[in-house]
Amino acid sequence: MGQLNRGRRPISEINVVPYIDVMLVLLVIFMVTAPLLTQGITVELPKAPSEPVANLAVKDRKPVVLSIDRQGNWYLNVGRNPDAPLDRLTVQARVTAVLRQQPETTVLVKGDRRVDYGRVVDAMLVLQQAGATKVGFLTEPLPAVERSPRQ
């Protein structure tokens, strides 16, 4: 009996082929669903030479984003239905509630480049009345050709 077991060695390798198959299926699922998860109001952002928002400014919290579409309607990413237009009192109440719970929350304005400037200023006033001390603007970076060299 001792001679029969000497020729066979136990297999100590893990068969990783099934794991690779599962990983590829998950990759395809995430690639298909990732664009669908991006929701929000369609806004054509103005182009400006700006720096990206620092990760430290967000501090692992979802920022409050007030979107202003081309017609001047306001949308807030806080609440049950972020795709429904809101009035100034609702925006102010929701932003106030968020800032009371988490005072360090970043507040951003995402305004369409064709919207009336007065509508954006009005939104800024509502955010200030809600308690936002620092408000940032979302823009799209300029293409590399349009950037002027800094002197």
N, C-alpha and C. Protein backbone atom coordinates (compact mmCIF):
# COMPACT_ATOMS: atom_id res chain seq x y z
N MET A 1 0.80 -1.18 0.00
CA MET A 1 0.00 0.00 0.00
C MET A 1 0.85 1.26 0.00
N GLY A 2 1.94 1.24 0.68
CA GLY A 2 2.79 2.41 0.77
C GLY A 2 3.33 2.84 -0.57
N GLN A 3 3.50 1.88 -1.52
CA GLN A 3 4.04 2.20 -2.83
C GLN A 3 3.01 2.88 -3.72
N LEU A 4 1.74 2.61 -3.54
CA LEU A 4 0.72 3.23 -4.38
C LEU A 4 0.57 4.73 -4.11
N ASN A 5 0.73 5.16 -2.90
CA ASN A 5 0.56 6.57 -2.55
C ASN A 5 1.78 7.42 -2.88
N ARG A 6 2.93 6.80 -3.10
CA ARG A 6 4.13 7.58 -3.36
C ARG A 6 4.08 8.28 -4.72
N GLY A 7 3.47 7.73 -5.70
CA GLY A 7 3.44 8.29 -7.04
C GLY A 7 2.50 9.48 -7.18
N ARG A 8 1.54 9.60 -6.29
CA ARG A 8 0.56 10.69 -6.38
C ARG A 8 0.87 11.77 -5.37
N ARG A 9 0.85 12.99 -5.84
CA ARG A 9 1.01 14.12 -4.93
C ARG A 9 -0.31 14.88 -4.88
N PRO A 10 -0.64 15.46 -3.75
CA PRO A 10 -1.88 16.24 -3.69
C PRO A 10 -1.73 17.53 -4.53
N ILE A 11 -2.83 17.94 -5.16
CA ILE A 11 -2.82 19.15 -5.99
C ILE A 11 -3.01 20.35 -5.05
N SER A 12 -2.05 21.26 -5.09
CA SER A 12 -2.11 22.41 -4.18
C SER A 12 -2.40 23.71 -4.92
N GLU A 13 -2.83 23.63 -6.16
CA GLU A 13 -3.16 24.82 -6.93
C GLU A 13 -4.66 25.06 -6.90
N ILE A 14 -5.03 26.34 -6.92
CA ILE A 14 -6.44 26.71 -6.96
C ILE A 14 -6.82 26.97 -8.42
N ASN A 15 -7.94 26.44 -8.82
CA ASN A 15 -8.42 26.67 -10.18
C ASN A 15 -9.11 28.03 -10.20
N VAL A 16 -8.48 29.02 -10.84
CA VAL A 16 -9.00 30.39 -10.83
C VAL A 16 -9.86 30.73 -12.04
N VAL A 17 -10.01 29.81 -12.97
CA VAL A 17 -10.79 30.09 -14.18
C VAL A 17 -12.23 30.49 -13.85
N PRO A 18 -12.94 29.80 -12.94
CA PRO A 18 -14.31 30.25 -12.62
C PRO A 18 -14.34 31.64 -12.00
N TYR A 19 -13.35 31.99 -11.23
CA TYR A 19 -13.31 33.32 -10.62
C TYR A 19 -13.10 34.41 -11.69
N ILE A 20 -12.29 34.10 -12.68
CA ILE A 20 -12.08 35.06 -13.78
C ILE A 20 -13.37 35.26 -14.55
N ASP A 21 -14.10 34.18 -14.79
CA ASP A 21 -15.38 34.29 -15.49
C ASP A 21 -16.36 35.16 -14.73
N VAL A 22 -16.45 34.96 -13.43
CA VAL A 22 -17.36 35.76 -12.60
C VAL A 22 -16.92 37.23 -12.62
N MET A 23 -15.62 37.47 -12.55
CA MET A 23 -15.12 38.84 -12.56
C MET A 23 -15.46 39.54 -13.87
N LEU A 24 -15.33 38.84 -14.99
CA LEU A 24 -15.64 39.44 -16.28
C LEU A 24 -17.13 39.75 -16.41
N VAL A 25 -17.98 38.87 -15.90
CA VAL A 25 -19.42 39.12 -15.92
C VAL A 25 -19.75 40.35 -15.08
N LEU A 26 -19.16 40.46 -13.89
CA LEU A 26 -19.39 41.63 -13.04
C LEU A 26 -18.89 42.91 -13.71
N LEU A 27 -17.75 42.82 -14.38
CA LEU A 27 -17.21 43.98 -15.08
C LEU A 27 -18.18 44.47 -16.15
N VAL A 28 -18.73 43.56 -16.92
CA VAL A 28 -19.69 43.93 -17.96
C VAL A 28 -20.94 44.55 -17.33
N ILE A 29 -21.42 43.98 -16.24
CA ILE A 29 -22.60 44.52 -15.56
C ILE A 29 -22.34 45.94 -15.09
N PHE A 30 -21.19 46.19 -14.48
CA PHE A 30 -20.88 47.54 -14.00
C PHE A 30 -20.68 48.52 -15.15
N MET A 31 -20.10 48.06 -16.24
CA MET A 31 -19.91 48.95 -17.39
C MET A 31 -21.24 49.36 -18.00
N VAL A 32 -22.21 48.47 -17.98
CA VAL A 32 -23.52 48.78 -18.55
C VAL A 32 -24.33 49.67 -17.61
N THR A 33 -24.26 49.40 -16.31
CA THR A 33 -25.11 50.14 -15.37
C THR A 33 -24.51 51.47 -14.93
N ALA A 34 -23.21 51.67 -15.04
CA ALA A 34 -22.60 52.93 -14.57
C ALA A 34 -23.18 54.16 -15.26
N PRO A 35 -23.33 54.18 -16.58
CA PRO A 35 -23.94 55.37 -17.20
C PRO A 35 -25.39 55.58 -16.79
N LEU A 36 -26.10 54.51 -16.46
CA LEU A 36 -27.49 54.64 -16.06
C LEU A 36 -27.62 55.25 -14.66
N LEU A 37 -26.58 55.10 -13.83
CA LEU A 37 -26.63 55.63 -12.48
C LEU A 37 -26.44 57.14 -12.45
N THR A 38 -25.87 57.70 -13.51
CA THR A 38 -25.66 59.14 -13.55
C THR A 38 -26.99 59.80 -13.87
N GLN A 39 -27.57 60.38 -12.86
CA GLN A 39 -28.86 61.02 -13.06
C GLN A 39 -28.74 62.49 -12.73
N GLY A 40 -29.75 63.20 -13.04
CA GLY A 40 -29.75 64.62 -12.74
C GLY A 40 -30.34 65.41 -13.89
N ILE A 41 -30.30 66.69 -13.73
CA ILE A 41 -30.86 67.60 -14.70
C ILE A 41 -29.81 67.88 -15.77
N THR A 42 -30.25 67.90 -17.02
CA THR A 42 -29.33 68.20 -18.11
C THR A 42 -29.03 69.69 -18.11
N VAL A 43 -27.78 70.01 -17.85
CA VAL A 43 -27.34 71.40 -17.78
C VAL A 43 -26.07 71.52 -18.60
N GLU A 44 -26.04 72.52 -19.48
CA GLU A 44 -24.84 72.79 -20.25
C GLU A 44 -23.98 73.75 -19.43
N LEU A 45 -22.95 73.19 -18.80
CA LEU A 45 -22.13 73.98 -17.89
C LEU A 45 -21.23 74.94 -18.66
N PRO A 46 -20.98 76.11 -18.08
CA PRO A 46 -20.02 77.02 -18.72
C PRO A 46 -18.61 76.46 -18.62
N LYS A 47 -17.78 76.85 -19.54
CA LYS A 47 -16.39 76.39 -19.54
C LYS A 47 -15.53 77.45 -18.87
N ALA A 48 -14.65 77.00 -17.99
CA ALA A 48 -13.79 77.93 -17.27
C ALA A 48 -12.52 77.20 -16.85
N PRO A 49 -11.40 77.93 -16.79
CA PRO A 49 -10.16 77.30 -16.30
C PRO A 49 -10.20 77.20 -14.79
N SER A 50 -10.77 76.14 -14.27
CA SER A 50 -10.93 76.00 -12.83
C SER A 50 -10.28 74.72 -12.36
N GLU A 51 -10.00 74.69 -11.09
CA GLU A 51 -9.42 73.51 -10.47
C GLU A 51 -10.55 72.60 -9.99
N PRO A 52 -10.35 71.28 -10.00
CA PRO A 52 -11.38 70.38 -9.49
C PRO A 52 -11.57 70.55 -8.00
N VAL A 53 -12.78 70.20 -7.53
CA VAL A 53 -13.08 70.29 -6.10
C VAL A 53 -12.19 69.29 -5.38
N ALA A 54 -11.51 69.75 -4.37
CA ALA A 54 -10.60 68.88 -3.62
C ALA A 54 -11.38 67.83 -2.85
N ASN A 55 -10.81 66.65 -2.75
CA ASN A 55 -11.47 65.59 -1.99
C ASN A 55 -11.62 65.96 -0.53
N LEU A 56 -10.73 66.79 -0.02
CA LEU A 56 -10.84 67.19 1.37
C LEU A 56 -12.05 68.08 1.60
N ALA A 57 -12.46 68.83 0.57
CA ALA A 57 -13.62 69.71 0.71
C ALA A 57 -14.91 68.90 0.83
N VAL A 58 -14.96 67.74 0.18
CA VAL A 58 -16.16 66.92 0.22
C VAL A 58 -16.23 66.12 1.52
N LYS A 59 -15.11 65.66 2.02
CA LYS A 59 -15.01 64.96 3.30
C LYS A 59 -15.99 63.80 3.42
N ASP A 60 -16.02 62.95 2.43
CA ASP A 60 -16.86 61.74 2.44
C ASP A 60 -18.34 62.04 2.60
N ARG A 61 -18.77 63.23 2.28
CA ARG A 61 -20.19 63.57 2.32
C ARG A 61 -20.63 63.93 0.92
N LYS A 62 -21.86 63.60 0.62
CA LYS A 62 -22.43 63.96 -0.67
C LYS A 62 -22.70 65.46 -0.67
N PRO A 63 -22.16 66.21 -1.63
CA PRO A 63 -22.41 67.65 -1.64
C PRO A 63 -23.86 67.97 -2.02
N VAL A 64 -24.33 69.10 -1.57
CA VAL A 64 -25.65 69.60 -1.96
C VAL A 64 -25.45 70.35 -3.27
N VAL A 65 -26.18 69.94 -4.31
CA VAL A 65 -26.03 70.56 -5.63
C VAL A 65 -27.37 71.18 -6.03
N LEU A 66 -27.35 72.49 -6.23
CA LEU A 66 -28.52 73.21 -6.73
C LEU A 66 -28.32 73.41 -8.23
N SER A 67 -29.15 72.73 -9.03
CA SER A 67 -29.06 72.82 -10.49
C SER A 67 -30.07 73.83 -11.01
N ILE A 68 -29.63 74.62 -11.98
CA ILE A 68 -30.51 75.60 -12.62
C ILE A 68 -30.48 75.30 -14.11
N ASP A 69 -31.63 74.90 -14.67
CA ASP A 69 -31.65 74.54 -16.08
C ASP A 69 -31.81 75.78 -16.96
N ARG A 70 -31.87 75.57 -18.25
CA ARG A 70 -31.91 76.65 -19.22
C ARG A 70 -33.11 77.57 -19.03
N GLN A 71 -34.24 77.01 -18.57
CA GLN A 71 -35.45 77.81 -18.36
C GLN A 71 -35.44 78.54 -17.02
N GLY A 72 -34.45 78.29 -16.17
CA GLY A 72 -34.36 78.96 -14.88
C GLY A 72 -35.01 78.18 -13.75
N ASN A 73 -35.43 76.93 -13.99
CA ASN A 73 -36.00 76.10 -12.92
C ASN A 73 -34.91 75.59 -12.00
N TRP A 74 -35.24 75.45 -10.73
CA TRP A 74 -34.29 74.99 -9.72
C TRP A 74 -34.56 73.54 -9.38
N TYR A 75 -33.48 72.77 -9.21
CA TYR A 75 -33.55 71.37 -8.82
C TYR A 75 -32.50 71.15 -7.74
N LEU A 76 -32.83 70.31 -6.78
CA LEU A 76 -31.91 70.04 -5.68
C LEU A 76 -31.72 68.53 -5.59
N ASN A 77 -30.48 68.10 -5.38
CA ASN A 77 -30.21 66.67 -5.30
C ASN A 77 -30.56 66.09 -3.93
N VAL A 78 -31.21 66.87 -3.08
CA VAL A 78 -31.64 66.42 -1.76
C VAL A 78 -33.16 66.32 -1.77
N GLY A 79 -33.67 65.21 -1.32
CA GLY A 79 -35.12 65.03 -1.28
C GLY A 79 -35.54 63.79 -2.02
N ARG A 80 -36.84 63.56 -2.03
CA ARG A 80 -37.37 62.34 -2.64
C ARG A 80 -37.26 62.34 -4.16
N ASN A 81 -37.54 63.47 -4.79
CA ASN A 81 -37.57 63.51 -6.25
C ASN A 81 -36.63 64.61 -6.75
N PRO A 82 -35.37 64.26 -7.04
CA PRO A 82 -34.42 65.28 -7.49
C PRO A 82 -34.71 65.83 -8.88
N ASP A 83 -35.63 65.20 -9.62
CA ASP A 83 -35.95 65.67 -10.97
C ASP A 83 -37.14 66.61 -11.01
N ALA A 84 -37.71 66.94 -9.85
CA ALA A 84 -38.86 67.84 -9.80
C ALA A 84 -38.39 69.27 -9.53
N PRO A 85 -38.88 70.25 -10.30
CA PRO A 85 -38.49 71.65 -10.04
C PRO A 85 -39.02 72.11 -8.69
N LEU A 86 -38.24 72.96 -8.03
CA LEU A 86 -38.59 73.44 -6.69
C LEU A 86 -38.68 74.96 -6.67
N ASP A 87 -39.43 75.47 -5.69
CA ASP A 87 -39.49 76.91 -5.49
C ASP A 87 -38.43 77.31 -4.47
N ARG A 88 -38.24 78.61 -4.30
CA ARG A 88 -37.17 79.10 -3.43
C ARG A 88 -37.36 78.71 -1.97
N LEU A 89 -38.60 78.67 -1.47
CA LEU A 89 -38.82 78.31 -0.07
C LEU A 89 -38.48 76.84 0.19
N THR A 90 -38.81 75.96 -0.74
CA THR A 90 -38.48 74.54 -0.57
C THR A 90 -36.98 74.33 -0.62
N VAL A 91 -36.30 75.00 -1.54
CA VAL A 91 -34.85 74.89 -1.63
C VAL A 91 -34.21 75.37 -0.34
N GLN A 92 -34.65 76.51 0.14
CA GLN A 92 -34.08 77.06 1.37
C GLN A 92 -34.32 76.12 2.55
N ALA A 93 -35.52 75.56 2.67
CA ALA A 93 -35.83 74.67 3.79
C ALA A 93 -34.98 73.40 3.73
N ARG A 94 -34.82 72.82 2.56
CA ARG A 94 -34.04 71.58 2.45
C ARG A 94 -32.55 71.81 2.71
N VAL A 95 -32.02 72.89 2.16
CA VAL A 95 -30.60 73.18 2.39
C VAL A 95 -30.35 73.51 3.86
N THR A 96 -31.26 74.25 4.48
CA THR A 96 -31.14 74.55 5.91
C THR A 96 -31.12 73.27 6.73
N ALA A 97 -32.00 72.33 6.40
CA ALA A 97 -32.06 71.07 7.14
C ALA A 97 -30.76 70.27 7.00
N VAL A 98 -30.21 70.24 5.79
CA VAL A 98 -28.97 69.50 5.57
C VAL A 98 -27.82 70.15 6.33
N LEU A 99 -27.74 71.49 6.28
CA LEU A 99 -26.62 72.19 6.92
C LEU A 99 -26.73 72.17 8.44
N ARG A 100 -27.92 72.04 8.97
CA ARG A 100 -28.06 71.90 10.43
C ARG A 100 -27.53 70.55 10.90
N GLN A 101 -27.80 69.50 10.11
CA GLN A 101 -27.33 68.17 10.48
C GLN A 101 -25.84 68.01 10.22
N GLN A 102 -25.37 68.55 9.11
CA GLN A 102 -23.97 68.41 8.72
C GLN A 102 -23.45 69.77 8.23
N PRO A 103 -22.98 70.62 9.15
CA PRO A 103 -22.58 71.98 8.78
C PRO A 103 -21.42 72.05 7.78
N GLU A 104 -20.61 71.01 7.69
CA GLU A 104 -19.44 71.03 6.79
C GLU A 104 -19.77 70.56 5.38
N THR A 105 -21.05 70.37 5.06
CA THR A 105 -21.44 69.89 3.74
C THR A 105 -21.12 70.93 2.67
N THR A 106 -20.54 70.46 1.57
CA THR A 106 -20.21 71.34 0.46
C THR A 106 -21.48 71.69 -0.31
N VAL A 107 -21.65 72.96 -0.66
CA VAL A 107 -22.80 73.43 -1.41
C VAL A 107 -22.30 73.92 -2.77
N LEU A 108 -22.88 73.37 -3.85
CA LEU A 108 -22.44 73.70 -5.20
C LEU A 108 -23.63 74.16 -6.04
N VAL A 109 -23.37 75.09 -6.97
CA VAL A 109 -24.38 75.55 -7.91
C VAL A 109 -23.98 75.05 -9.29
N LYS A 110 -24.94 74.40 -9.96
CA LYS A 110 -24.72 73.85 -11.30
C LYS A 110 -25.68 74.57 -12.23
N GLY A 111 -25.24 75.72 -12.74
CA GLY A 111 -26.11 76.55 -13.57
C GLY A 111 -25.82 76.42 -15.04
N ASP A 112 -26.87 76.34 -15.85
CA ASP A 112 -26.71 76.29 -17.29
C ASP A 112 -26.07 77.59 -17.77
N ARG A 113 -25.23 77.51 -18.76
CA ARG A 113 -24.52 78.72 -19.20
C ARG A 113 -25.43 79.72 -19.89
N ARG A 114 -26.63 79.30 -20.30
CA ARG A 114 -27.56 80.21 -20.97
C ARG A 114 -28.61 80.78 -20.03
N VAL A 115 -28.58 80.42 -18.75
CA VAL A 115 -29.58 80.90 -17.82
C VAL A 115 -29.29 82.37 -17.48
N ASP A 116 -30.33 83.11 -17.16
CA ASP A 116 -30.20 84.51 -16.79
C ASP A 116 -29.33 84.64 -15.54
N TYR A 117 -28.40 85.57 -15.57
CA TYR A 117 -27.47 85.78 -14.45
C TYR A 117 -28.22 86.12 -13.16
N GLY A 118 -29.31 86.85 -13.27
CA GLY A 118 -30.09 87.21 -12.09
C GLY A 118 -30.67 85.99 -11.40
N ARG A 119 -31.00 84.97 -12.17
CA ARG A 119 -31.55 83.73 -11.58
C ARG A 119 -30.47 83.02 -10.76
N VAL A 120 -29.23 83.05 -11.21
CA VAL A 120 -28.13 82.43 -10.46
C VAL A 120 -27.85 83.23 -9.18
N VAL A 121 -27.88 84.55 -9.28
CA VAL A 121 -27.66 85.39 -8.09
C VAL A 121 -28.78 85.15 -7.08
N ASP A 122 -30.00 85.02 -7.56
CA ASP A 122 -31.13 84.73 -6.67
C ASP A 122 -30.92 83.39 -5.95
N ALA A 123 -30.42 82.40 -6.68
CA ALA A 123 -30.12 81.10 -6.07
C ALA A 123 -29.04 81.23 -5.01
N MET A 124 -28.03 82.03 -5.28
CA MET A 124 -26.96 82.25 -4.30
C MET A 124 -27.51 82.88 -3.03
N LEU A 125 -28.41 83.85 -3.18
CA LEU A 125 -29.02 84.48 -2.00
C LEU A 125 -29.82 83.49 -1.18
N VAL A 126 -30.55 82.61 -1.85
CA VAL A 126 -31.33 81.58 -1.13
C VAL A 126 -30.38 80.66 -0.37
N LEU A 127 -29.28 80.26 -0.98
CA LEU A 127 -28.32 79.38 -0.30
C LEU A 127 -27.68 80.09 0.89
N GLN A 128 -27.39 81.37 0.75
CA GLN A 128 -26.83 82.12 1.88
C GLN A 128 -27.84 82.22 3.01
N GLN A 129 -29.11 82.47 2.70
CA GLN A 129 -30.14 82.54 3.71
C GLN A 129 -30.34 81.18 4.39
N ALA A 130 -30.04 80.10 3.68
CA ALA A 130 -30.16 78.76 4.25
C ALA A 130 -28.99 78.42 5.17
N GLY A 131 -27.94 79.24 5.15
CA GLY A 131 -26.82 79.01 6.05
C GLY A 131 -25.54 78.57 5.37
N ALA A 132 -25.51 78.55 4.06
CA ALA A 132 -24.29 78.17 3.34
C ALA A 132 -23.32 79.34 3.34
N THR A 133 -22.16 79.13 3.91
CA THR A 133 -21.16 80.19 3.96
C THR A 133 -20.23 80.16 2.75
N LYS A 134 -19.97 78.96 2.23
CA LYS A 134 -19.11 78.81 1.06
C LYS A 134 -19.90 78.06 0.00
N VAL A 135 -20.01 78.66 -1.17
CA VAL A 135 -20.74 78.05 -2.27
C VAL A 135 -19.81 78.00 -3.48
N GLY A 136 -19.74 76.83 -4.11
CA GLY A 136 -18.90 76.66 -5.29
C GLY A 136 -19.74 76.55 -6.53
N PHE A 137 -19.12 76.80 -7.69
CA PHE A 137 -19.79 76.69 -8.97
C PHE A 137 -19.21 75.51 -9.73
N LEU A 138 -20.07 74.73 -10.35
CA LEU A 138 -19.61 73.64 -11.20
C LEU A 138 -19.42 74.18 -12.61
N THR A 139 -18.28 73.90 -13.20
CA THR A 139 -17.98 74.29 -14.57
C THR A 139 -17.33 73.11 -15.27
N GLU A 140 -17.22 73.22 -16.58
CA GLU A 140 -16.48 72.24 -17.35
C GLU A 140 -15.12 72.83 -17.66
N PRO A 141 -14.06 72.01 -17.61
CA PRO A 141 -12.73 72.55 -17.93
C PRO A 141 -12.63 72.94 -19.39
N LEU A 142 -11.81 73.92 -19.67
CA LEU A 142 -11.55 74.34 -21.04
C LEU A 142 -10.76 73.25 -21.76
N PRO A 143 -10.99 73.08 -23.06
CA PRO A 143 -10.13 72.18 -23.81
C PRO A 143 -8.69 72.68 -23.78
N ALA A 144 -7.76 71.79 -23.95
CA ALA A 144 -6.33 72.14 -23.84
C ALA A 144 -5.94 73.24 -24.82
N VAL A 145 -6.58 73.33 -25.97
CA VAL A 145 -6.23 74.34 -26.98
C VAL A 145 -6.64 75.73 -26.52
N GLU A 146 -7.78 75.84 -25.81
CA GLU A 146 -8.30 77.15 -25.42
C GLU A 146 -7.63 77.72 -24.18
N ARG A 147 -6.92 76.91 -23.44
CA ARG A 147 -6.30 77.40 -22.20
C ARG A 147 -5.18 78.38 -22.53
N SER A 148 -5.22 79.48 -21.83
CA SER A 148 -4.15 80.45 -22.05
C SER A 148 -3.03 80.14 -21.09
N PRO A 149 -1.78 80.30 -21.53
CA PRO A 149 -0.65 80.01 -20.64
C PRO A 149 -0.60 81.04 -19.52
N ARG A 150 -0.30 80.56 -18.33
CA ARG A 150 -0.19 81.46 -17.18
C ARG A 150 1.19 82.10 -17.17
N GLN A 151 1.19 83.39 -16.89
CA GLN A 151 2.47 84.10 -16.95
C GLN A 151 2.87 84.57 -15.59
